[in-house]
Amino acid sequence: MSIVTLTTDLGYRDPYLAIVKACLHSRISNPRIIDLSCDIKDNAITDAAYILKTTIPFFPEKTIHLVGVKFIISKGIIHKKNEVDNTRYLLAFYQNQYIITPDNGLLTLLDAGFSGPVYQLYYQDAGQHRFFLKDIFVDIAAHLAAQKPLSDIAIETTDFYKAFQLESFASPDNLKGKNIYVDDFGNIVTNITREQFLAAQKGRTFSIVLPGTRISKISNTYDDVKFGDALALFNSFGYLEIALNGGSAFKLMHPREIGRTFDFNLTIDFYD
């Protein structure tokens, strides 16, 4: 039995996702298909990377992850090192699992030190690119599930797009970070890890200033504060999260609907 996961922007209203799943069932004997997230918006490859990075540790070896999200270059959040090619497809082996993805920078967003191996996939013609999840990725997943040689479908490469998120930055008296993901509850996940926070804090008191409120402690659960109050905690994956008990921290920080793009910069000040 092969486990195949899906991270896509196909959504659930149209038939496209069901078609991909039907093709997987047609090509792989008794697959277990798991949606990681199939509602990625606005070509948010950073969202796809966060979702995949936090879920991979829970899957067994040889799980096959299909990532059907292109990366359309836009301003700000990712530093561009070389050219994206959304018509080029890659197969990577990471933490003993397979990742099949466009050449979109995902691999270095999973791990800035990503070292492969990475393979460029063969496919027949440009027509397959229109619905690559169905016409290319399903074939590759079936090939992997059948344990056929990789040399039949790909060639190893070190030439792939490398994207890097802005890192958190520590100075003697503060720690700066930014949002990397907003979940459906409106919780804002930042790129500050528990280890980075503790190293910068050095046992000192601290303050996080938000619109209309100030946070000066790290909570263990959302219920550590009163209903409607803001809090900071380290989530299950070790990232600092800004939340609102019973509400949306995203709406607190972004009260008016002015577009989906959200750039939240967080500063934590430390005091002796």
C-alpha atoms as a PDB file:
ATOM      1  CA  MET A   1       0.000   0.000   0.000  1.00  0.00           C
ATOM      2  CA  SER A   2       1.383   3.395  -1.031  1.00  0.00           C
ATOM      3  CA  ILE A   3       0.630   6.632   0.808  1.00  0.00           C
ATOM      4  CA  VAL A   4       0.233   9.648  -1.470  1.00  0.00           C
ATOM      5  CA  THR A   5      -0.354  13.147  -0.112  1.00  0.00           C
ATOM      6  CA  LEU A   6      -1.698  16.154  -1.981  1.00  0.00           C
ATOM      7  CA  THR A   7      -0.838  19.814  -1.435  1.00  0.00           C
ATOM      8  CA  THR A   8      -2.521  21.848  -4.149  1.00  0.00           C
ATOM      9  CA  ASP A   9      -4.430  24.979  -5.082  1.00  0.00           C
ATOM     10  CA  LEU A  10      -7.220  23.006  -6.791  1.00  0.00           C
ATOM     11  CA  GLY A  11      -9.823  23.633  -4.081  1.00  0.00           C
ATOM     12  CA  TYR A  12     -12.916  21.498  -3.512  1.00  0.00           C
ATOM     13  CA  ARG A  13     -15.610  23.164  -5.650  1.00  0.00           C
ATOM     14  CA  ASP A  14     -14.322  22.065  -9.067  1.00  0.00           C
ATOM     15  CA  PRO A  15     -13.820  18.455 -10.238  1.00  0.00           C
ATOM     16  CA  TYR A  16     -10.051  18.751 -10.738  1.00  0.00           C
ATOM     17  CA  LEU A  17      -9.000  17.308  -7.385  1.00  0.00           C
ATOM     18  CA  ALA A  18     -11.368  14.362  -7.758  1.00  0.00           C
ATOM     19  CA  ILE A  19      -9.921  13.683 -11.216  1.00  0.00           C
ATOM     20  CA  VAL A  20      -6.386  13.553  -9.817  1.00  0.00           C
ATOM     21  CA  LYS A  21      -7.506  11.141  -7.101  1.00  0.00           C
ATOM     22  CA  ALA A  22      -9.366   8.979  -9.609  1.00  0.00           C
ATOM     23  CA  CYS A  23      -6.230   8.745 -11.756  1.00  0.00           C
ATOM     24  CA  LEU A  24      -4.143   7.788  -8.717  1.00  0.00           C
ATOM     25  CA  HIS A  25      -6.610   4.988  -7.935  1.00  0.00           C
ATOM     26  CA  SER A  26      -6.459   3.850 -11.558  1.00  0.00           C
ATOM     27  CA  ARG A  27      -2.660   3.703 -11.626  1.00  0.00           C
ATOM     28  CA  ILE A  28      -1.752   2.566  -8.089  1.00  0.00           C
ATOM     29  CA  SER A  29      -3.112  -0.510  -6.369  1.00  0.00           C
ATOM     30  CA  ASN A  30      -5.071   0.434  -3.229  1.00  0.00           C
ATOM     31  CA  PRO A  31      -3.405   3.799  -2.542  1.00  0.00           C
ATOM     32  CA  ARG A  32      -4.010   5.780   0.616  1.00  0.00           C
ATOM     33  CA  ILE A  33      -4.543   9.368  -0.523  1.00  0.00           C
ATOM     34  CA  ILE A  34      -4.318  12.108   2.092  1.00  0.00           C
ATOM     35  CA  ASP A  35      -5.044  15.796   1.516  1.00  0.00           C
ATOM     36  CA  LEU A  36      -2.489  17.899   3.365  1.00  0.00           C
ATOM     37  CA  SER A  37      -4.064  21.057   2.010  1.00  0.00           C
ATOM     38  CA  CYS A  38      -5.835  21.505  -1.303  1.00  0.00           C
ATOM     39  CA  ASP A  39      -6.935  25.087  -0.857  1.00  0.00           C
ATOM     40  CA  ILE A  40      -3.620  26.957  -1.143  1.00  0.00           C
ATOM     41  CA  LYS A  41      -4.366  30.521  -2.267  1.00  0.00           C
ATOM     42  CA  ASP A  42      -2.524  33.020  -4.449  1.00  0.00           C
ATOM     43  CA  ASN A  43       0.343  30.702  -5.418  1.00  0.00           C
ATOM     44  CA  ALA A  44       1.499  30.838  -1.792  1.00  0.00           C
ATOM     45  CA  ILE A  45       4.445  28.469  -2.031  1.00  0.00           C
ATOM     46  CA  THR A  46       5.477  29.557   1.490  1.00  0.00           C
ATOM     47  CA  ASP A  47       2.178  28.177   2.808  1.00  0.00           C
ATOM     48  CA  ALA A  48       2.741  24.922   0.940  1.00  0.00           C
ATOM     49  CA  ALA A  49       6.254  24.659   2.370  1.00  0.00           C
ATOM     50  CA  TYR A  50       5.093  25.271   5.959  1.00  0.00           C
ATOM     51  CA  ILE A  51       2.317  22.684   5.638  1.00  0.00           C
ATOM     52  CA  LEU A  52       4.617  20.068   4.142  1.00  0.00           C
ATOM     53  CA  LYS A  53       7.489  20.764   6.539  1.00  0.00           C
ATOM     54  CA  THR A  54       5.313  20.369   9.621  1.00  0.00           C
ATOM     55  CA  THR A  55       3.597  17.178   8.429  1.00  0.00           C
ATOM     56  CA  ILE A  56       6.445  15.161   6.886  1.00  0.00           C
ATOM     57  CA  PRO A  57       7.743  13.932  10.295  1.00  0.00           C
ATOM     58  CA  PHE A  58       4.431  12.152  10.914  1.00  0.00           C
ATOM     59  CA  PHE A  59       4.497  10.046   7.738  1.00  0.00           C
ATOM     60  CA  PRO A  60       6.286   6.727   7.230  1.00  0.00           C
ATOM     61  CA  GLU A  61       9.248   6.225   4.921  1.00  0.00           C
ATOM     62  CA  LYS A  62       8.617   6.194   1.164  1.00  0.00           C
ATOM     63  CA  THR A  63       5.473   8.336   1.441  1.00  0.00           C
ATOM     64  CA  ILE A  64       4.931  10.173  -1.862  1.00  0.00           C
ATOM     65  CA  HIS A  65       4.091  13.885  -1.560  1.00  0.00           C
ATOM     66  CA  LEU A  66       2.612  15.627  -4.606  1.00  0.00           C
ATOM     67  CA  VAL A  67       2.877  19.432  -4.441  1.00  0.00           C
ATOM     68  CA  GLY A  68       0.773  21.085  -7.131  1.00  0.00           C
ATOM     69  CA  VAL A  69       1.511  24.741  -6.412  1.00  0.00           C
ATOM     70  CA  LYS A  70       3.394  26.996  -8.802  1.00  0.00           C
ATOM     71  CA  PHE A  71       5.379  29.989  -7.634  1.00  0.00           C
ATOM     72  CA  ILE A  72       4.554  33.231  -9.382  1.00  0.00           C
ATOM     73  CA  ILE A  73       7.268  35.758  -8.533  1.00  0.00           C
ATOM     74  CA  SER A  74       5.872  38.653  -6.529  1.00  0.00           C
ATOM     75  CA  LYS A  75       7.239  41.265  -4.208  1.00  0.00           C
ATOM     76  CA  GLY A  76       8.861  40.939  -0.882  1.00  0.00           C
ATOM     77  CA  ILE A  77       8.675  37.696   0.979  1.00  0.00           C
ATOM     78  CA  ILE A  78      11.255  35.562  -0.785  1.00  0.00           C
ATOM     79  CA  HIS A  79      14.720  36.497  -1.916  1.00  0.00           C
ATOM     80  CA  LYS A  80      15.221  35.541  -5.540  1.00  0.00           C
ATOM     81  CA  LYS A  81      18.481  33.705  -6.262  1.00  0.00           C
ATOM     82  CA  ASN A  82      17.800  32.382  -9.757  1.00  0.00           C
ATOM     83  CA  GLU A  83      14.945  31.761 -12.173  1.00  0.00           C
ATOM     84  CA  VAL A  84      11.718  29.909 -11.405  1.00  0.00           C
ATOM     85  CA  ASP A  85      10.640  27.482 -14.129  1.00  0.00           C
ATOM     86  CA  ASN A  86       7.060  26.316 -13.592  1.00  0.00           C
ATOM     87  CA  THR A  87       7.287  23.973 -16.609  1.00  0.00           C
ATOM     88  CA  ARG A  88      10.140  22.019 -15.024  1.00  0.00           C
ATOM     89  CA  TYR A  89       9.326  19.323 -12.492  1.00  0.00           C
ATOM     90  CA  LEU A  90      11.451  17.810  -9.766  1.00  0.00           C
ATOM     91  CA  LEU A  91      11.578  14.682  -7.666  1.00  0.00           C
ATOM     92  CA  ALA A  92      13.411  14.963  -4.342  1.00  0.00           C
ATOM     93  CA  PHE A  93      14.173  12.469  -1.602  1.00  0.00           C
ATOM     94  CA  TYR A  94      13.875  14.195   1.762  1.00  0.00           C
ATOM     95  CA  GLN A  95      13.732  12.599   5.222  1.00  0.00           C
ATOM     96  CA  ASN A  96      13.304   9.226   3.487  1.00  0.00           C
ATOM     97  CA  GLN A  97      10.205  10.425   1.642  1.00  0.00           C
ATOM     98  CA  TYR A  98       9.526  11.474  -1.942  1.00  0.00           C
ATOM     99  CA  ILE A  99       8.501  14.999  -2.948  1.00  0.00           C
ATOM    100  CA  ILE A 100       7.264  15.733  -6.463  1.00  0.00           C
ATOM    101  CA  THR A 101       6.997  19.451  -7.199  1.00  0.00           C
ATOM    102  CA  PRO A 102       7.425  22.111  -9.862  1.00  0.00           C
ATOM    103  CA  ASP A 103      10.800  23.845  -9.820  1.00  0.00           C
ATOM    104  CA  ASN A 104       9.356  26.507  -7.519  1.00  0.00           C
ATOM    105  CA  GLY A 105      11.793  26.933  -4.608  1.00  0.00           C
ATOM    106  CA  LEU A 106       9.903  24.597  -2.284  1.00  0.00           C
ATOM    107  CA  LEU A 107      12.899  22.449  -1.383  1.00  0.00           C
ATOM    108  CA  THR A 108      15.002  25.218   0.163  1.00  0.00           C
ATOM    109  CA  LEU A 109      11.919  26.600   1.902  1.00  0.00           C
ATOM    110  CA  LEU A 110      11.599  23.214   3.611  1.00  0.00           C
ATOM    111  CA  ASP A 111      15.249  23.310   4.595  1.00  0.00           C
ATOM    112  CA  ALA A 112      17.639  26.163   3.794  1.00  0.00           C
ATOM    113  CA  GLY A 113      20.453  23.603   3.737  1.00  0.00           C
ATOM    114  CA  PHE A 114      18.614  21.192   1.469  1.00  0.00           C
ATOM    115  CA  SER A 115      21.158  18.909  -0.179  1.00  0.00           C
ATOM    116  CA  GLY A 116      19.047  16.482  -2.202  1.00  0.00           C
ATOM    117  CA  PRO A 117      19.203  14.220  -4.001  1.00  0.00           C
ATOM    118  CA  VAL A 118      17.059  16.015  -6.585  1.00  0.00           C
ATOM    119  CA  TYR A 119      16.017  14.701  -9.995  1.00  0.00           C
ATOM    120  CA  GLN A 120      14.610  16.491 -13.019  1.00  0.00           C
ATOM    121  CA  LEU A 121      11.602  14.596 -14.353  1.00  0.00           C
ATOM    122  CA  TYR A 122      11.047  13.578 -17.959  1.00  0.00           C
ATOM    123  CA  TYR A 123       7.694  14.171 -19.610  1.00  0.00           C
ATOM    124  CA  GLN A 124       6.446  13.815 -23.171  1.00  0.00           C
ATOM    125  CA  ASP A 125       5.099  17.146 -24.409  1.00  0.00           C
ATOM    126  CA  ALA A 126       3.944  20.629 -23.467  1.00  0.00           C
ATOM    127  CA  GLY A 127       0.306  19.526 -23.436  1.00  0.00           C
ATOM    128  CA  GLN A 128       0.931  17.613 -20.214  1.00  0.00           C
ATOM    129  CA  HIS A 129       1.877  20.838 -18.497  1.00  0.00           C
ATOM    130  CA  ARG A 130      -1.697  22.167 -18.588  1.00  0.00           C
ATOM    131  CA  PHE A 131      -2.813  19.682 -15.911  1.00  0.00           C
ATOM    132  CA  PHE A 132       0.531  18.489 -14.642  1.00  0.00           C
ATOM    133  CA  LEU A 133      -0.810  16.912 -11.459  1.00  0.00           C
ATOM    134  CA  LYS A 134      -2.900  14.503 -13.526  1.00  0.00           C
ATOM    135  CA  ASP A 135      -0.731  14.099 -16.616  1.00  0.00           C
ATOM    136  CA  ILE A 136       2.762  14.040 -15.077  1.00  0.00           C
ATOM    137  CA  PHE A 137       2.699  13.667 -11.297  1.00  0.00           C
ATOM    138  CA  VAL A 138       0.299  10.701 -11.264  1.00  0.00           C
ATOM    139  CA  ASP A 139       2.601   8.802 -13.645  1.00  0.00           C
ATOM    140  CA  ILE A 140       5.630   9.537 -11.458  1.00  0.00           C
ATOM    141  CA  ALA A 141       3.780   8.490  -8.287  1.00  0.00           C
ATOM    142  CA  ALA A 142       2.741   5.221  -9.948  1.00  0.00           C
ATOM    143  CA  HIS A 143       6.342   4.616 -11.034  1.00  0.00           C
ATOM    144  CA  LEU A 144       7.587   5.145  -7.466  1.00  0.00           C
ATOM    145  CA  ALA A 145       4.842   2.975  -5.987  1.00  0.00           C
ATOM    146  CA  ALA A 146       5.867   0.165  -8.332  1.00  0.00           C
ATOM    147  CA  GLN A 147       9.495   0.586  -7.175  1.00  0.00           C
ATOM    148  CA  LYS A 148      10.789   0.976 -10.714  1.00  0.00           C
ATOM    149  CA  PRO A 149      14.214   2.549 -11.391  1.00  0.00           C
ATOM    150  CA  LEU A 150      14.435   6.326 -11.097  1.00  0.00           C
ATOM    151  CA  SER A 151      16.658   6.398 -14.187  1.00  0.00           C
ATOM    152  CA  ASP A 152      13.585   5.545 -16.281  1.00  0.00           C
ATOM    153  CA  ILE A 153      11.853   8.820 -15.402  1.00  0.00           C
ATOM    154  CA  ALA A 154      14.461  11.331 -14.250  1.00  0.00           C
ATOM    155  CA  ILE A 155      18.042  12.500 -14.215  1.00  0.00           C
ATOM    156  CA  GLU A 156      19.837  13.788 -11.114  1.00  0.00           C
ATOM    157  CA  THR A 157      20.440  17.541 -11.005  1.00  0.00           C
ATOM    158  CA  THR A 158      21.858  20.241  -8.760  1.00  0.00           C
ATOM    159  CA  ASP A 159      20.352  22.999 -10.895  1.00  0.00           C
ATOM    160  CA  PHE A 160      17.031  23.968  -9.345  1.00  0.00           C
ATOM    161  CA  TYR A 161      15.413  27.150  -8.065  1.00  0.00           C
ATOM    162  CA  LYS A 162      16.460  28.074  -4.537  1.00  0.00           C
ATOM    163  CA  ALA A 163      14.172  30.355  -2.545  1.00  0.00           C
ATOM    164  CA  PHE A 164      14.885  31.552   0.971  1.00  0.00           C
ATOM    165  CA  GLN A 165      12.575  33.202   3.445  1.00  0.00           C
ATOM    166  CA  LEU A 166      13.809  36.194   5.382  1.00  0.00           C
ATOM    167  CA  GLU A 167      15.274  34.914   8.639  1.00  0.00           C
ATOM    168  CA  SER A 168      14.601  36.230  12.123  1.00  0.00           C
ATOM    169  CA  PHE A 169      17.198  38.741  13.310  1.00  0.00           C
ATOM    170  CA  ALA A 170      18.538  39.218  16.834  1.00  0.00           C
ATOM    171  CA  SER A 171      20.295  42.291  18.230  1.00  0.00           C
ATOM    172  CA  PRO A 172      21.348  42.775  21.882  1.00  0.00           C
ATOM    173  CA  ASP A 173      17.970  44.189  22.910  1.00  0.00           C
ATOM    174  CA  ASN A 174      15.404  42.779  20.500  1.00  0.00           C
ATOM    175  CA  LEU A 175      14.437  39.949  18.190  1.00  0.00           C
ATOM    176  CA  LYS A 176      12.737  40.615  14.871  1.00  0.00           C
ATOM    177  CA  GLY A 177      10.652  38.139  12.903  1.00  0.00           C
ATOM    178  CA  LYS A 178       7.780  37.955  10.433  1.00  0.00           C
ATOM    179  CA  ASN A 179       4.754  35.848   9.625  1.00  0.00           C
ATOM    180  CA  ILE A 180       5.218  32.688   7.574  1.00  0.00           C
ATOM    181  CA  TYR A 181       1.682  31.278   7.799  1.00  0.00           C
ATOM    182  CA  VAL A 182      -1.836  32.234   8.890  1.00  0.00           C
ATOM    183  CA  ASP A 183      -4.152  29.330   9.680  1.00  0.00           C
ATOM    184  CA  ASP A 184      -7.942  29.228   9.307  1.00  0.00           C
ATOM    185  CA  PHE A 185      -8.402  30.328  12.937  1.00  0.00           C
ATOM    186  CA  GLY A 186      -6.477  33.529  12.210  1.00  0.00           C
ATOM    187  CA  ASN A 187      -3.452  32.446  14.249  1.00  0.00           C
ATOM    188  CA  ILE A 188      -0.262  34.062  12.919  1.00  0.00           C
ATOM    189  CA  VAL A 189       2.745  31.743  12.788  1.00  0.00           C
ATOM    190  CA  THR A 190       6.091  33.565  12.766  1.00  0.00           C
ATOM    191  CA  ASN A 191       9.568  32.427  11.736  1.00  0.00           C
ATOM    192  CA  ILE A 192      10.859  32.761  15.316  1.00  0.00           C
ATOM    193  CA  THR A 193      11.577  29.387  16.899  1.00  0.00           C
ATOM    194  CA  ARG A 194      11.616  28.538  20.590  1.00  0.00           C
ATOM    195  CA  GLU A 195      15.397  28.080  20.447  1.00  0.00           C
ATOM    196  CA  GLN A 196      15.934  31.491  18.822  1.00  0.00           C
ATOM    197  CA  PHE A 197      13.685  33.191  21.375  1.00  0.00           C
ATOM    198  CA  LEU A 198      15.407  31.630  24.398  1.00  0.00           C
ATOM    199  CA  ALA A 199      18.864  32.409  23.016  1.00  0.00           C
ATOM    200  CA  ALA A 200      17.942  36.065  22.528  1.00  0.00           C
ATOM    201  CA  GLN A 201      15.961  36.432  25.756  1.00  0.00           C
ATOM    202  CA  LYS A 202      18.681  35.167  28.119  1.00  0.00           C
ATOM    203  CA  GLY A 203      16.195  35.090  30.981  1.00  0.00           C
ATOM    204  CA  ARG A 204      15.161  38.735  30.573  1.00  0.00           C
ATOM    205  CA  THR A 205      11.661  40.180  30.600  1.00  0.00           C
ATOM    206  CA  PHE A 206      10.223  41.057  27.217  1.00  0.00           C
ATOM    207  CA  SER A 207       7.443  42.924  25.470  1.00  0.00           C
ATOM    208  CA  ILE A 208       5.604  42.362  22.194  1.00  0.00           C
ATOM    209  CA  VAL A 209       3.582  45.419  21.165  1.00  0.00           C
ATOM    210  CA  LEU A 210       0.474  44.822  19.030  1.00  0.00           C
ATOM    211  CA  PRO A 211      -2.352  47.195  18.073  1.00  0.00           C
ATOM    212  CA  GLY A 212      -4.105  48.063  21.320  1.00  0.00           C
ATOM    213  CA  THR A 213      -2.296  45.510  23.455  1.00  0.00           C
ATOM    214  CA  ARG A 214       1.058  44.363  24.798  1.00  0.00           C
ATOM    215  CA  ILE A 215       2.199  40.765  25.430  1.00  0.00           C
ATOM    216  CA  SER A 216       4.811  40.135  28.113  1.00  0.00           C
ATOM    217  CA  LYS A 217       4.625  36.383  28.680  1.00  0.00           C
ATOM    218  CA  ILE A 218       4.622  33.152  26.704  1.00  0.00           C
ATOM    219  CA  SER A 219       1.432  31.161  27.213  1.00  0.00           C
ATOM    220  CA  ASN A 220       1.193  27.378  27.257  1.00  0.00           C
ATOM    221  CA  THR A 221      -2.356  27.185  25.852  1.00  0.00           C
ATOM    222  CA  TYR A 222      -4.886  29.549  24.285  1.00  0.00           C
ATOM    223  CA  ASP A 223      -6.923  29.402  27.505  1.00  0.00           C
ATOM    224  CA  ASP A 224      -4.140  30.968  29.568  1.00  0.00           C
ATOM    225  CA  VAL A 225      -5.671  34.370  28.780  1.00  0.00           C
ATOM    226  CA  LYS A 226      -9.214  35.707  28.941  1.00  0.00           C
ATOM    227  CA  PHE A 227     -11.581  35.347  26.031  1.00  0.00           C
ATOM    228  CA  GLY A 228     -10.751  37.981  23.437  1.00  0.00           C
ATOM    229  CA  ASP A 229      -7.233  38.642  24.729  1.00  0.00           C
ATOM    230  CA  ALA A 230      -4.104  38.312  22.595  1.00  0.00           C
ATOM    231  CA  LEU A 231      -1.364  35.852  23.475  1.00  0.00           C
ATOM    232  CA  ALA A 232       1.943  34.435  22.265  1.00  0.00           C
ATOM    233  CA  LEU A 233       2.820  30.756  22.436  1.00  0.00           C
ATOM    234  CA  PHE A 234       5.047  28.216  20.773  1.00  0.00           C
ATOM    235  CA  ASN A 235       2.920  25.961  18.618  1.00  0.00           C
ATOM    236  CA  SER A 236       3.245  22.200  18.267  1.00  0.00           C
ATOM    237  CA  PHE A 237       6.019  22.655  15.712  1.00  0.00           C
ATOM    238  CA  GLY A 238       8.136  25.030  17.806  1.00  0.00           C
ATOM    239  CA  TYR A 239       7.283  28.320  16.070  1.00  0.00           C
ATOM    240  CA  LEU A 240       6.194  31.458  17.918  1.00  0.00           C
ATOM    241  CA  GLU A 241       2.530  32.095  17.218  1.00  0.00           C
ATOM    242  CA  ILE A 242       0.437  35.187  17.871  1.00  0.00           C
ATOM    243  CA  ALA A 243      -3.172  34.297  18.638  1.00  0.00           C
ATOM    244  CA  LEU A 244      -6.397  35.671  20.060  1.00  0.00           C
ATOM    245  CA  ASN A 245      -8.366  33.486  22.461  1.00  0.00           C
ATOM    246  CA  GLY A 246     -11.722  32.950  20.785  1.00  0.00           C
ATOM    247  CA  GLY A 247     -10.899  35.240  17.888  1.00  0.00           C
ATOM    248  CA  SER A 248      -8.600  35.988  14.977  1.00  0.00           C
ATOM    249  CA  ALA A 249      -5.186  37.561  15.492  1.00  0.00           C
ATOM    250  CA  PHE A 250      -5.105  38.113  11.732  1.00  0.00           C
ATOM    251  CA  LYS A 251      -8.147  40.401  11.993  1.00  0.00           C
ATOM    252  CA  LEU A 252      -6.578  42.194  14.946  1.00  0.00           C
ATOM    253  CA  MET A 253      -3.497  42.934  12.848  1.00  0.00           C
ATOM    254  CA  HIS A 254      -5.364  43.364   9.569  1.00  0.00           C
ATOM    255  CA  PRO A 255      -8.799  44.817  10.477  1.00  0.00           C
ATOM    256  CA  ARG A 256      -9.805  45.884   6.975  1.00  0.00           C
ATOM    257  CA  GLU A 257     -10.047  43.717   3.892  1.00  0.00           C
ATOM    258  CA  ILE A 258      -7.431  45.285   1.609  1.00  0.00           C
ATOM    259  CA  GLY A 259      -6.323  42.158  -0.209  1.00  0.00           C
ATOM    260  CA  ARG A 260      -5.015  38.742   0.695  1.00  0.00           C
ATOM    261  CA  THR A 261      -1.337  39.689   0.898  1.00  0.00           C
ATOM    262  CA  PHE A 262      -0.361  39.913   4.550  1.00  0.00           C
ATOM    263  CA  ASP A 263       3.062  40.975   5.774  1.00  0.00           C
ATOM    264  CA  PHE A 264       3.372  41.055   9.552  1.00  0.00           C
ATOM    265  CA  ASN A 265       6.664  42.127  11.104  1.00  0.00           C
ATOM    266  CA  LEU A 266       7.117  41.272  14.763  1.00  0.00           C
ATOM    267  CA  THR A 267       9.578  42.868  17.185  1.00  0.00           C
ATOM    268  CA  ILE A 268      10.246  41.480  20.655  1.00  0.00           C
ATOM    269  CA  ASP A 269      12.036  43.939  22.983  1.00  0.00           C
ATOM    270  CA  PHE A 270      14.060  42.602  25.904  1.00  0.00           C
ATOM    271  CA  TYR A 271      14.750  44.376  29.191  1.00  0.00           C
ATOM    272  CA  ASP A 272      17.313  43.705  31.932  1.00  0.00           C
END
